[in-house]
Amino acid sequence: MTKKKVDYFFNSVQKNGKTELTISGAIGESSYFFEATSAKDVREALENATGDIHIYLNSSGGDVFQGIEIYNYLKNISNNVTVEITGTACSAASIVAMGADKLIMDTGTSLMIHEASTFAWGNKNDIKKVLGALETIDTQIIDIYSEKTNIDKSELENYLLNETWFTADEAVELGFADEKKSEENADKDIENLLTNDFIENLFKNEKFVQKVSSMVNNNVLDNKEDEETVNNNGFFL
């Protein structure tokens, strides 16, 4: 299955004491020919982050060494890191995703893992060296996937050999991801927002209280002849 090109976009914003980072497009170092997100870009974007970090990731992959460096950076920082896959996380991008404390797959997203690849030129000894390097890299990335999933390494090796694509549900089931984001989860996020503290602060807002009181009083006056019906209508949280 051919990997689709994902347009480059890299952005970092602060929201409610949390750093939100968007990584879209290739993983690697930018060049004259294309733009990409490097380990240096990620470090510079997050070096002053004091709260939780939420990364939105959509990438077809790229440079394996840059991916491993970003993975280790995310693993080693003290901030709580959530990675949310919003499209796909293939190859090197899947390695980046493994660095999260919590990995979320949005509905309809995918994750792909495969063997490392490269171009080679030279005599048979040169080719042997390249082959040895590729085998070493495959061992490295299997270690990364194994640490996240606890899947047997021989099974992971087979996944890599066959360039395996996982749906959101499959990724969660196998342990690559921690959660699938769905409409149900979105409803839970709204429920979590409506905490006692939120409601208490809401009713401390004088304009809000006045507006609610006005609406209730107008409703009572308009329906005074049917008081029982009025008393059974209201605001539900």
C-alpha atoms as a PDB file:
ATOM      1  CA  MET A   1       0.000   0.000   0.000  1.00  0.00           C
ATOM      2  CA  THR A   2       1.514   3.306  -1.087  1.00  0.00           C
ATOM      3  CA  LYS A   3       1.987   6.021   1.497  1.00  0.00           C
ATOM      4  CA  LYS A   4       0.132   9.225   0.654  1.00  0.00           C
ATOM      5  CA  LYS A   5       1.979  12.525   0.749  1.00  0.00           C
ATOM      6  CA  VAL A   6       0.969  14.704   3.682  1.00  0.00           C
ATOM      7  CA  ASP A   7       1.444  18.457   3.294  1.00  0.00           C
ATOM      8  CA  TYR A   8       3.933  20.090   5.655  1.00  0.00           C
ATOM      9  CA  PHE A   9       2.676  22.122   8.586  1.00  0.00           C
ATOM     10  CA  PHE A  10       4.396  22.786  11.899  1.00  0.00           C
ATOM     11  CA  ASN A  11       2.949  25.029  14.593  1.00  0.00           C
ATOM     12  CA  SER A  12       3.089  25.493  18.357  1.00  0.00           C
ATOM     13  CA  VAL A  13       0.540  27.385  20.486  1.00  0.00           C
ATOM     14  CA  GLN A  14      -0.221  27.840  24.187  1.00  0.00           C
ATOM     15  CA  LYS A  15      -3.794  27.095  25.307  1.00  0.00           C
ATOM     16  CA  ASN A  16      -4.991  27.060  28.921  1.00  0.00           C
ATOM     17  CA  GLY A  17      -1.525  26.380  30.294  1.00  0.00           C
ATOM     18  CA  LYS A  18      -0.940  23.549  27.798  1.00  0.00           C
ATOM     19  CA  THR A  19       1.356  23.467  24.769  1.00  0.00           C
ATOM     20  CA  GLU A  20      -0.297  22.246  21.579  1.00  0.00           C
ATOM     21  CA  LEU A  21       2.051  21.211  18.783  1.00  0.00           C
ATOM     22  CA  THR A  22       0.929  20.297  15.270  1.00  0.00           C
ATOM     23  CA  ILE A  23       3.232  18.110  13.175  1.00  0.00           C
ATOM     24  CA  SER A  24       2.054  17.474   9.632  1.00  0.00           C
ATOM     25  CA  GLY A  25       4.161  16.222   6.733  1.00  0.00           C
ATOM     26  CA  ALA A  26       7.565  14.578   6.606  1.00  0.00           C
ATOM     27  CA  ILE A  27       9.821  13.817   9.583  1.00  0.00           C
ATOM     28  CA  GLY A  28      13.386  14.931   8.941  1.00  0.00           C
ATOM     29  CA  GLU A  29      15.517  17.960   8.222  1.00  0.00           C
ATOM     30  CA  SER A  30      14.228  20.491   5.721  1.00  0.00           C
ATOM     31  CA  SER A  31      16.166  20.939   2.494  1.00  0.00           C
ATOM     32  CA  TYR A  32      16.004  22.983  -0.679  1.00  0.00           C
ATOM     33  CA  PHE A  33      13.580  20.425  -2.121  1.00  0.00           C
ATOM     34  CA  PHE A  34      11.089  19.959   0.733  1.00  0.00           C
ATOM     35  CA  GLU A  35      10.089  21.035   4.246  1.00  0.00           C
ATOM     36  CA  ALA A  36      10.035  18.620   7.180  1.00  0.00           C
ATOM     37  CA  THR A  37       9.860  18.550  10.984  1.00  0.00           C
ATOM     38  CA  SER A  38      13.178  17.762  12.647  1.00  0.00           C
ATOM     39  CA  ALA A  39      14.161  16.822  16.180  1.00  0.00           C
ATOM     40  CA  LYS A  40      15.624  20.336  16.502  1.00  0.00           C
ATOM     41  CA  ASP A  41      12.260  21.861  15.560  1.00  0.00           C
ATOM     42  CA  VAL A  42      10.486  19.819  18.243  1.00  0.00           C
ATOM     43  CA  ARG A  43      13.082  20.623  20.930  1.00  0.00           C
ATOM     44  CA  GLU A  44      12.929  24.348  20.228  1.00  0.00           C
ATOM     45  CA  ALA A  45       9.126  24.336  20.247  1.00  0.00           C
ATOM     46  CA  LEU A  46       8.883  22.494  23.559  1.00  0.00           C
ATOM     47  CA  GLU A  47      11.982  23.588  25.497  1.00  0.00           C
ATOM     48  CA  ASN A  48      10.070  26.215  27.519  1.00  0.00           C
ATOM     49  CA  ALA A  49       6.865  24.218  27.948  1.00  0.00           C
ATOM     50  CA  THR A  50       5.878  24.045  31.623  1.00  0.00           C
ATOM     51  CA  GLY A  51       2.557  22.217  31.469  1.00  0.00           C
ATOM     52  CA  ASP A  52       1.140  19.265  29.584  1.00  0.00           C
ATOM     53  CA  ILE A  53       1.985  18.804  25.921  1.00  0.00           C
ATOM     54  CA  HIS A  54      -0.527  17.722  23.262  1.00  0.00           C
ATOM     55  CA  ILE A  55       0.845  16.839  19.818  1.00  0.00           C
ATOM     56  CA  TYR A  56      -1.404  16.499  16.774  1.00  0.00           C
ATOM     57  CA  LEU A  57       0.401  14.167  14.367  1.00  0.00           C
ATOM     58  CA  ASN A  58      -0.267  13.431  10.689  1.00  0.00           C
ATOM     59  CA  SER A  59       2.765  12.147   8.805  1.00  0.00           C
ATOM     60  CA  SER A  60       3.765   9.573   6.211  1.00  0.00           C
ATOM     61  CA  GLY A  61       7.197   9.229   7.842  1.00  0.00           C
ATOM     62  CA  GLY A  62      10.682  10.211   6.798  1.00  0.00           C
ATOM     63  CA  ASP A  63      14.120  10.051   8.413  1.00  0.00           C
ATOM     64  CA  VAL A  64      14.334   7.161  10.894  1.00  0.00           C
ATOM     65  CA  PHE A  65      17.136   8.772  12.922  1.00  0.00           C
ATOM     66  CA  GLN A  66      15.208  12.020  13.308  1.00  0.00           C
ATOM     67  CA  GLY A  67      12.169   9.967  14.325  1.00  0.00           C
ATOM     68  CA  ILE A  68      14.155   8.089  16.973  1.00  0.00           C
ATOM     69  CA  GLU A  69      15.623  11.342  18.293  1.00  0.00           C
ATOM     70  CA  ILE A  70      12.169  12.914  18.637  1.00  0.00           C
ATOM     71  CA  TYR A  71      10.907   9.707  20.273  1.00  0.00           C
ATOM     72  CA  ASN A  72      13.642   9.805  22.912  1.00  0.00           C
ATOM     73  CA  TYR A  73      13.150  13.526  23.506  1.00  0.00           C
ATOM     74  CA  LEU A  74       9.449  13.015  24.202  1.00  0.00           C
ATOM     75  CA  LYS A  75      10.174  10.010  26.419  1.00  0.00           C
ATOM     76  CA  ASN A  76      12.708  11.888  28.522  1.00  0.00           C
ATOM     77  CA  ILE A  77      11.047  15.256  29.151  1.00  0.00           C
ATOM     78  CA  SER A  78       9.229  15.643  32.466  1.00  0.00           C
ATOM     79  CA  ASN A  79       6.025  17.031  30.901  1.00  0.00           C
ATOM     80  CA  ASN A  80       3.072  14.748  30.346  1.00  0.00           C
ATOM     81  CA  VAL A  81       2.931  14.135  26.583  1.00  0.00           C
ATOM     82  CA  THR A  82      -0.165  13.136  24.625  1.00  0.00           C
ATOM     83  CA  VAL A  83       0.118  12.380  20.912  1.00  0.00           C
ATOM     84  CA  GLU A  84      -3.106  12.397  18.907  1.00  0.00           C
ATOM     85  CA  ILE A  85      -2.962  10.893  15.426  1.00  0.00           C
ATOM     86  CA  THR A  86      -5.275  12.953  13.240  1.00  0.00           C
ATOM     87  CA  GLY A  87      -4.613  11.278   9.880  1.00  0.00           C
ATOM     88  CA  THR A  88      -1.858   8.711   9.672  1.00  0.00           C
ATOM     89  CA  ALA A  89       1.413   7.887  11.430  1.00  0.00           C
ATOM     90  CA  CYS A  90       3.604   5.847   9.111  1.00  0.00           C
ATOM     91  CA  SER A  91       7.160   4.625   9.399  1.00  0.00           C
ATOM     92  CA  ALA A  92       9.295   7.226  11.244  1.00  0.00           C
ATOM     93  CA  ALA A  93       6.137   9.043  12.384  1.00  0.00           C
ATOM     94  CA  SER A  94       4.938   5.887  14.136  1.00  0.00           C
ATOM     95  CA  ILE A  95       8.208   5.901  16.084  1.00  0.00           C
ATOM     96  CA  VAL A  96       7.570   9.515  17.133  1.00  0.00           C
ATOM     97  CA  ALA A  97       4.104   8.472  18.332  1.00  0.00           C
ATOM     98  CA  MET A  98       5.589   5.766  20.586  1.00  0.00           C
ATOM     99  CA  GLY A  99       7.255   8.508  22.676  1.00  0.00           C
ATOM    100  CA  ALA A 100       3.915   9.681  24.097  1.00  0.00           C
ATOM    101  CA  ASP A 101       2.735   8.992  27.617  1.00  0.00           C
ATOM    102  CA  LYS A 102      -0.679   8.579  25.985  1.00  0.00           C
ATOM    103  CA  LEU A 103      -1.317   7.855  22.324  1.00  0.00           C
ATOM    104  CA  ILE A 104      -4.779   8.614  20.915  1.00  0.00           C
ATOM    105  CA  MET A 105      -6.040   7.484  17.501  1.00  0.00           C
ATOM    106  CA  ASP A 106      -8.821   9.584  16.007  1.00  0.00           C
ATOM    107  CA  THR A 107     -11.633   7.771  14.213  1.00  0.00           C
ATOM    108  CA  GLY A 108     -10.586   6.715  10.711  1.00  0.00           C
ATOM    109  CA  THR A 109      -6.852   7.110  11.327  1.00  0.00           C
ATOM    110  CA  SER A 110      -4.108   4.565  10.710  1.00  0.00           C
ATOM    111  CA  LEU A 111      -0.647   3.546  11.852  1.00  0.00           C
ATOM    112  CA  MET A 112       1.911   1.754   9.661  1.00  0.00           C
ATOM    113  CA  ILE A 113       5.207   0.047  10.485  1.00  0.00           C
ATOM    114  CA  HIS A 114       7.754  -1.448   8.091  1.00  0.00           C
ATOM    115  CA  GLU A 115      11.430  -2.218   7.632  1.00  0.00           C
ATOM    116  CA  ALA A 116      13.948   0.576   7.181  1.00  0.00           C
ATOM    117  CA  SER A 117      14.987   1.367   3.610  1.00  0.00           C
ATOM    118  CA  THR A 118      17.702   3.351   1.842  1.00  0.00           C
ATOM    119  CA  PHE A 119      19.595   3.819  -1.417  1.00  0.00           C
ATOM    120  CA  ALA A 120      23.005   2.213  -1.869  1.00  0.00           C
ATOM    121  CA  TRP A 121      25.840   2.402  -4.376  1.00  0.00           C
ATOM    122  CA  GLY A 122      29.233   0.734  -4.425  1.00  0.00           C
ATOM    123  CA  ASN A 123      30.947  -2.648  -4.442  1.00  0.00           C
ATOM    124  CA  LYS A 124      29.767  -5.772  -2.608  1.00  0.00           C
ATOM    125  CA  ASN A 125      31.486  -4.735   0.627  1.00  0.00           C
ATOM    126  CA  ASP A 126      29.747  -1.356   0.532  1.00  0.00           C
ATOM    127  CA  ILE A 127      26.393  -3.053  -0.008  1.00  0.00           C
ATOM    128  CA  LYS A 128      27.064  -5.469   2.881  1.00  0.00           C
ATOM    129  CA  LYS A 129      27.735  -2.510   5.181  1.00  0.00           C
ATOM    130  CA  VAL A 130      24.462  -0.896   4.162  1.00  0.00           C
ATOM    131  CA  LEU A 131      22.620  -4.179   4.706  1.00  0.00           C
ATOM    132  CA  GLY A 132      24.170  -4.471   8.178  1.00  0.00           C
ATOM    133  CA  ALA A 133      23.080  -0.925   8.989  1.00  0.00           C
ATOM    134  CA  LEU A 134      19.497  -1.636   7.872  1.00  0.00           C
ATOM    135  CA  GLU A 135      19.356  -4.791  10.001  1.00  0.00           C
ATOM    136  CA  THR A 136      20.589  -2.818  13.016  1.00  0.00           C
ATOM    137  CA  ILE A 137      17.981  -0.100  12.479  1.00  0.00           C
ATOM    138  CA  ASP A 138      15.215  -2.704  12.252  1.00  0.00           C
ATOM    139  CA  THR A 139      16.386  -4.137  15.582  1.00  0.00           C
ATOM    140  CA  GLN A 140      16.307  -0.651  17.120  1.00  0.00           C
ATOM    141  CA  ILE A 141      12.776   0.126  16.003  1.00  0.00           C
ATOM    142  CA  ILE A 142      11.524  -3.314  17.055  1.00  0.00           C
ATOM    143  CA  ASP A 143      12.839  -2.499  20.547  1.00  0.00           C
ATOM    144  CA  ILE A 144      10.822   0.730  20.513  1.00  0.00           C
ATOM    145  CA  TYR A 145       7.589  -0.976  19.445  1.00  0.00           C
ATOM    146  CA  SER A 146       8.184  -3.819  21.904  1.00  0.00           C
ATOM    147  CA  GLU A 147       8.595  -1.433  24.836  1.00  0.00           C
ATOM    148  CA  LYS A 148       5.257   0.203  24.019  1.00  0.00           C
ATOM    149  CA  THR A 149       3.223  -2.898  23.171  1.00  0.00           C
ATOM    150  CA  ASN A 150       4.910  -5.863  24.902  1.00  0.00           C
ATOM    151  CA  ILE A 151       4.323  -7.789  21.670  1.00  0.00           C
ATOM    152  CA  ASP A 152       6.807 -10.609  21.078  1.00  0.00           C
ATOM    153  CA  LYS A 153       9.735  -9.330  19.003  1.00  0.00           C
ATOM    154  CA  SER A 154       9.422 -12.129  16.433  1.00  0.00           C
ATOM    155  CA  GLU A 155       5.820 -11.057  15.804  1.00  0.00           C
ATOM    156  CA  LEU A 156       6.875  -7.429  15.481  1.00  0.00           C
ATOM    157  CA  GLU A 157       9.585  -8.488  13.026  1.00  0.00           C
ATOM    158  CA  ASN A 158       6.892 -10.123  10.919  1.00  0.00           C
ATOM    159  CA  TYR A 159       4.773  -6.964  11.023  1.00  0.00           C
ATOM    160  CA  LEU A 160       7.755  -4.968   9.761  1.00  0.00           C
ATOM    161  CA  LEU A 161       8.558  -7.504   7.030  1.00  0.00           C
ATOM    162  CA  ASN A 162       4.995  -7.291   5.686  1.00  0.00           C
ATOM    163  CA  GLU A 163       4.670  -3.485   5.975  1.00  0.00           C
ATOM    164  CA  THR A 164       1.622  -3.704   8.238  1.00  0.00           C
ATOM    165  CA  TRP A 165      -1.144  -1.118   8.445  1.00  0.00           C
ATOM    166  CA  PHE A 166      -3.286  -0.880  11.575  1.00  0.00           C
ATOM    167  CA  THR A 167      -6.677   0.747  11.952  1.00  0.00           C
ATOM    168  CA  ALA A 168      -7.380   2.791  15.073  1.00  0.00           C
ATOM    169  CA  ASP A 169      -9.159  -0.160  16.678  1.00  0.00           C
ATOM    170  CA  GLU A 170      -6.339  -2.579  15.808  1.00  0.00           C
ATOM    171  CA  ALA A 171      -3.673  -0.200  17.095  1.00  0.00           C
ATOM    172  CA  VAL A 172      -5.459   0.073  20.453  1.00  0.00           C
ATOM    173  CA  GLU A 173      -6.101  -3.668  20.666  1.00  0.00           C
ATOM    174  CA  LEU A 174      -2.427  -4.503  20.050  1.00  0.00           C
ATOM    175  CA  GLY A 175      -1.117  -1.835  22.422  1.00  0.00           C
ATOM    176  CA  PHE A 176       0.431   0.562  19.913  1.00  0.00           C
ATOM    177  CA  ALA A 177      -2.157   3.154  20.968  1.00  0.00           C
ATOM    178  CA  ASP A 178      -3.926   3.739  24.275  1.00  0.00           C
ATOM    179  CA  GLU A 179      -7.266   5.088  23.148  1.00  0.00           C
ATOM    180  CA  LYS A 180      -9.491   5.623  20.140  1.00  0.00           C
ATOM    181  CA  LYS A 181     -11.093   9.036  20.096  1.00  0.00           C
ATOM    182  CA  SER A 182     -14.764   8.796  19.238  1.00  0.00           C
ATOM    183  CA  GLU A 183     -17.998  10.734  19.657  1.00  0.00           C
ATOM    184  CA  GLU A 184     -18.479   8.936  22.972  1.00  0.00           C
ATOM    185  CA  ASN A 185     -15.082  10.135  24.202  1.00  0.00           C
ATOM    186  CA  ALA A 186     -15.901  13.648  23.036  1.00  0.00           C
ATOM    187  CA  ASP A 187     -19.090  13.519  25.138  1.00  0.00           C
ATOM    188  CA  LYS A 188     -16.974  12.458  28.126  1.00  0.00           C
ATOM    189  CA  ASP A 189     -14.691  15.447  27.541  1.00  0.00           C
ATOM    190  CA  ILE A 190     -17.736  17.712  27.747  1.00  0.00           C
ATOM    191  CA  GLU A 191     -18.877  15.963  30.915  1.00  0.00           C
ATOM    192  CA  ASN A 192     -15.446  16.469  32.445  1.00  0.00           C
ATOM    193  CA  LEU A 193     -15.667  20.154  31.586  1.00  0.00           C
ATOM    194  CA  LEU A 194     -18.895  20.518  33.549  1.00  0.00           C
ATOM    195  CA  THR A 195     -17.276  19.974  36.928  1.00  0.00           C
ATOM    196  CA  ASN A 196     -18.561  21.385  40.207  1.00  0.00           C
ATOM    197  CA  ASP A 197     -15.860  24.071  40.117  1.00  0.00           C
ATOM    198  CA  PHE A 198     -16.905  25.085  36.601  1.00  0.00           C
ATOM    199  CA  ILE A 199     -20.568  25.324  37.582  1.00  0.00           C
ATOM    200  CA  GLU A 200     -19.745  27.194  40.798  1.00  0.00           C
ATOM    201  CA  ASN A 201     -17.677  29.769  38.893  1.00  0.00           C
ATOM    202  CA  LEU A 202     -20.398  30.053  36.260  1.00  0.00           C
ATOM    203  CA  PHE A 203     -22.987  31.083  38.829  1.00  0.00           C
ATOM    204  CA  LYS A 204     -20.565  33.633  40.297  1.00  0.00           C
ATOM    205  CA  ASN A 205     -20.842  35.474  36.985  1.00  0.00           C
ATOM    206  CA  GLU A 206     -23.425  38.207  37.656  1.00  0.00           C
ATOM    207  CA  LYS A 207     -24.365  38.695  33.988  1.00  0.00           C
ATOM    208  CA  PHE A 208     -25.015  34.979  33.577  1.00  0.00           C
ATOM    209  CA  VAL A 209     -27.176  34.838  36.720  1.00  0.00           C
ATOM    210  CA  GLN A 210     -29.153  37.928  35.651  1.00  0.00           C
ATOM    211  CA  LYS A 211     -29.739  36.443  32.206  1.00  0.00           C
ATOM    212  CA  VAL A 212     -30.963  33.137  33.627  1.00  0.00           C
ATOM    213  CA  SER A 213     -33.205  34.901  36.142  1.00  0.00           C
ATOM    214  CA  SER A 214     -34.701  37.073  33.413  1.00  0.00           C
ATOM    215  CA  MET A 215     -35.412  34.043  31.229  1.00  0.00           C
ATOM    216  CA  VAL A 216     -37.048  32.157  34.093  1.00  0.00           C
ATOM    217  CA  ASN A 217     -39.158  35.164  35.201  1.00  0.00           C
ATOM    218  CA  ASN A 218     -40.344  35.830  31.643  1.00  0.00           C
ATOM    219  CA  ASN A 219     -41.261  32.198  31.231  1.00  0.00           C
ATOM    220  CA  VAL A 220     -43.233  32.234  34.495  1.00  0.00           C
ATOM    221  CA  LEU A 221     -45.140  35.391  33.536  1.00  0.00           C
ATOM    222  CA  ASP A 222     -45.974  34.102  30.065  1.00  0.00           C
ATOM    223  CA  ASN A 223     -47.246  30.819  31.457  1.00  0.00           C
ATOM    224  CA  LYS A 224     -48.674  31.868  34.803  1.00  0.00           C
ATOM    225  CA  GLU A 225     -51.944  30.107  34.089  1.00  0.00           C
ATOM    226  CA  ASP A 226     -50.089  26.773  33.738  1.00  0.00           C
ATOM    227  CA  GLU A 227     -47.757  26.863  36.731  1.00  0.00           C
ATOM    228  CA  GLU A 228     -47.373  23.114  36.974  1.00  0.00           C
ATOM    229  CA  THR A 229     -46.022  22.931  33.430  1.00  0.00           C
ATOM    230  CA  VAL A 230     -43.582  25.768  34.139  1.00  0.00           C
ATOM    231  CA  ASN A 231     -42.243  24.059  37.231  1.00  0.00           C
ATOM    232  CA  ASN A 232     -41.453  20.960  35.229  1.00  0.00           C
ATOM    233  CA  ASN A 233     -39.311  22.823  32.682  1.00  0.00           C
ATOM    234  CA  GLY A 234     -35.804  24.087  33.391  1.00  0.00           C
ATOM    235  CA  PHE A 235     -32.108  23.813  32.806  1.00  0.00           C
ATOM    236  CA  PHE A 236     -30.525  20.376  33.078  1.00  0.00           C
ATOM    237  CA  LEU A 237     -26.799  19.670  33.576  1.00  0.00           C
END
